[in-house]
Amino acid sequence: MPIPELLLESTYRIAYKENQMLCTNCNKKNVIEIRMTVGGESLAFHRCGSCDAKAWTSGEATIELGRVLELARPARV
């Protein structure tokens, strides 16, 4: 069974402004956010503890895991 992707829509943004993140996949307030800098870019990882939906974001935009891995890859000399 594939892991659902956390959809970061207006519901998420509104809930986040109220300091309560809301998973738009299951509507539970059980979302964690981990902020970090990867390859010089500010990213956040979100995961819902209820339905296991996951997402990476850069600013307001959702980005693919492949892009995160590219940023984390050491530069070849």
C-alpha atoms as a PDB file:
ATOM      1  CA  MET A   1       0.000   0.000   0.000  1.00  0.00           C
ATOM      2  CA  PRO A   2       1.565   3.341  -1.004  1.00  0.00           C
ATOM      3  CA  ILE A   3       2.154   5.992   1.647  1.00  0.00           C
ATOM      4  CA  PRO A   4      -0.190   8.968   1.132  1.00  0.00           C
ATOM      5  CA  GLU A   5       1.382  12.331   0.372  1.00  0.00           C
ATOM      6  CA  LEU A   6       0.440  15.159   2.669  1.00  0.00           C
ATOM      7  CA  LEU A   7      -1.468  17.714   0.629  1.00  0.00           C
ATOM      8  CA  LEU A   8      -0.544  21.221   1.691  1.00  0.00           C
ATOM      9  CA  GLU A   9      -3.608  23.192   0.706  1.00  0.00           C
ATOM     10  CA  SER A  10      -5.296  26.256   2.174  1.00  0.00           C
ATOM     11  CA  THR A  11      -6.628  24.161   5.085  1.00  0.00           C
ATOM     12  CA  TYR A  12      -3.055  23.443   6.135  1.00  0.00           C
ATOM     13  CA  ARG A  13      -1.983  27.079   5.852  1.00  0.00           C
ATOM     14  CA  ILE A  14      -4.960  28.357   7.850  1.00  0.00           C
ATOM     15  CA  ALA A  15      -4.427  25.752  10.568  1.00  0.00           C
ATOM     16  CA  TYR A  16      -0.710  26.537  10.646  1.00  0.00           C
ATOM     17  CA  LYS A  17      -1.417  30.237  11.223  1.00  0.00           C
ATOM     18  CA  GLU A  18      -3.420  29.211  14.287  1.00  0.00           C
ATOM     19  CA  ASN A  19      -0.367  27.219  15.449  1.00  0.00           C
ATOM     20  CA  GLN A  20      -2.202  23.968  14.744  1.00  0.00           C
ATOM     21  CA  MET A  21      -1.199  22.085  11.603  1.00  0.00           C
ATOM     22  CA  LEU A  22      -4.007  20.076  10.044  1.00  0.00           C
ATOM     23  CA  CYS A  23      -3.470  17.072   7.770  1.00  0.00           C
ATOM     24  CA  THR A  24      -5.572  17.568   4.656  1.00  0.00           C
ATOM     25  CA  ASN A  25      -5.459  13.816   4.033  1.00  0.00           C
ATOM     26  CA  CYS A  26      -7.216  12.758   7.273  1.00  0.00           C
ATOM     27  CA  ASN A  27      -8.221  16.101   8.917  1.00  0.00           C
ATOM     28  CA  LYS A  28      -6.340  15.289  12.141  1.00  0.00           C
ATOM     29  CA  LYS A  29      -4.254  17.826  14.058  1.00  0.00           C
ATOM     30  CA  ASN A  30      -1.380  15.382  14.422  1.00  0.00           C
ATOM     31  CA  VAL A  31       1.184  16.860  12.000  1.00  0.00           C
ATOM     32  CA  ILE A  32       4.817  17.445  12.920  1.00  0.00           C
ATOM     33  CA  GLU A  33       7.120  19.863  11.120  1.00  0.00           C
ATOM     34  CA  ILE A  34      10.913  19.651  11.060  1.00  0.00           C
ATOM     35  CA  ARG A  35      12.745  22.625   9.550  1.00  0.00           C
ATOM     36  CA  MET A  36      16.283  22.319   8.199  1.00  0.00           C
ATOM     37  CA  THR A  37      18.715  23.721   5.679  1.00  0.00           C
ATOM     38  CA  VAL A  38      19.738  21.248   2.976  1.00  0.00           C
ATOM     39  CA  GLY A  39      22.237  22.260   0.316  1.00  0.00           C
ATOM     40  CA  GLY A  40      21.786  25.906   1.295  1.00  0.00           C
ATOM     41  CA  GLU A  41      17.993  25.797   0.880  1.00  0.00           C
ATOM     42  CA  SER A  42      15.507  26.126   3.769  1.00  0.00           C
ATOM     43  CA  LEU A  43      13.223  23.091   3.788  1.00  0.00           C
ATOM     44  CA  ALA A  44      10.565  21.623   6.044  1.00  0.00           C
ATOM     45  CA  PHE A  45       9.485  18.008   6.408  1.00  0.00           C
ATOM     46  CA  HIS A  46       5.872  17.363   7.463  1.00  0.00           C
ATOM     47  CA  ARG A  47       4.449  14.059   8.686  1.00  0.00           C
ATOM     48  CA  CYS A  48       1.003  13.166   9.968  1.00  0.00           C
ATOM     49  CA  GLY A  49       1.133  10.849  12.989  1.00  0.00           C
ATOM     50  CA  SER A  50      -2.394   9.614  12.289  1.00  0.00           C
ATOM     51  CA  CYS A  51      -2.313   8.560   8.622  1.00  0.00           C
ATOM     52  CA  ASP A  52       1.477   8.679   7.935  1.00  0.00           C
ATOM     53  CA  ALA A  53       1.126  11.207   5.087  1.00  0.00           C
ATOM     54  CA  LYS A  54       4.454  12.925   4.347  1.00  0.00           C
ATOM     55  CA  ALA A  55       5.576  16.037   2.443  1.00  0.00           C
ATOM     56  CA  TRP A  56       8.654  18.193   1.888  1.00  0.00           C
ATOM     57  CA  THR A  57       8.213  21.926   1.382  1.00  0.00           C
ATOM     58  CA  SER A  58      10.356  24.862   0.389  1.00  0.00           C
ATOM     59  CA  GLY A  59       8.587  28.077   1.345  1.00  0.00           C
ATOM     60  CA  GLU A  60       4.951  27.548   0.383  1.00  0.00           C
ATOM     61  CA  ALA A  61       5.693  25.009  -2.367  1.00  0.00           C
ATOM     62  CA  THR A  62       5.662  21.232  -2.011  1.00  0.00           C
ATOM     63  CA  ILE A  63       8.795  19.629  -3.465  1.00  0.00           C
ATOM     64  CA  GLU A  64       9.533  16.059  -4.461  1.00  0.00           C
ATOM     65  CA  LEU A  65      11.761  13.795  -2.377  1.00  0.00           C
ATOM     66  CA  GLY A  66      14.087  13.452  -5.394  1.00  0.00           C
ATOM     67  CA  ARG A  67      14.784  17.199  -5.252  1.00  0.00           C
ATOM     68  CA  VAL A  68      15.602  16.955  -1.519  1.00  0.00           C
ATOM     69  CA  LEU A  69      18.026  14.115  -2.242  1.00  0.00           C
ATOM     70  CA  GLU A  70      19.681  16.164  -5.010  1.00  0.00           C
ATOM     71  CA  LEU A  71      20.197  19.045  -2.576  1.00  0.00           C
ATOM     72  CA  ALA A  72      21.654  16.680   0.050  1.00  0.00           C
ATOM     73  CA  ARG A  73      24.078  15.012  -2.369  1.00  0.00           C
ATOM     74  CA  PRO A  74      27.667  16.232  -1.863  1.00  0.00           C
ATOM     75  CA  ALA A  75      29.105  18.194  -4.774  1.00  0.00           C
ATOM     76  CA  ARG A  76      31.522  16.194  -6.913  1.00  0.00           C
ATOM     77  CA  VAL A  77      34.864  17.781  -7.585  1.00  0.00           C
END
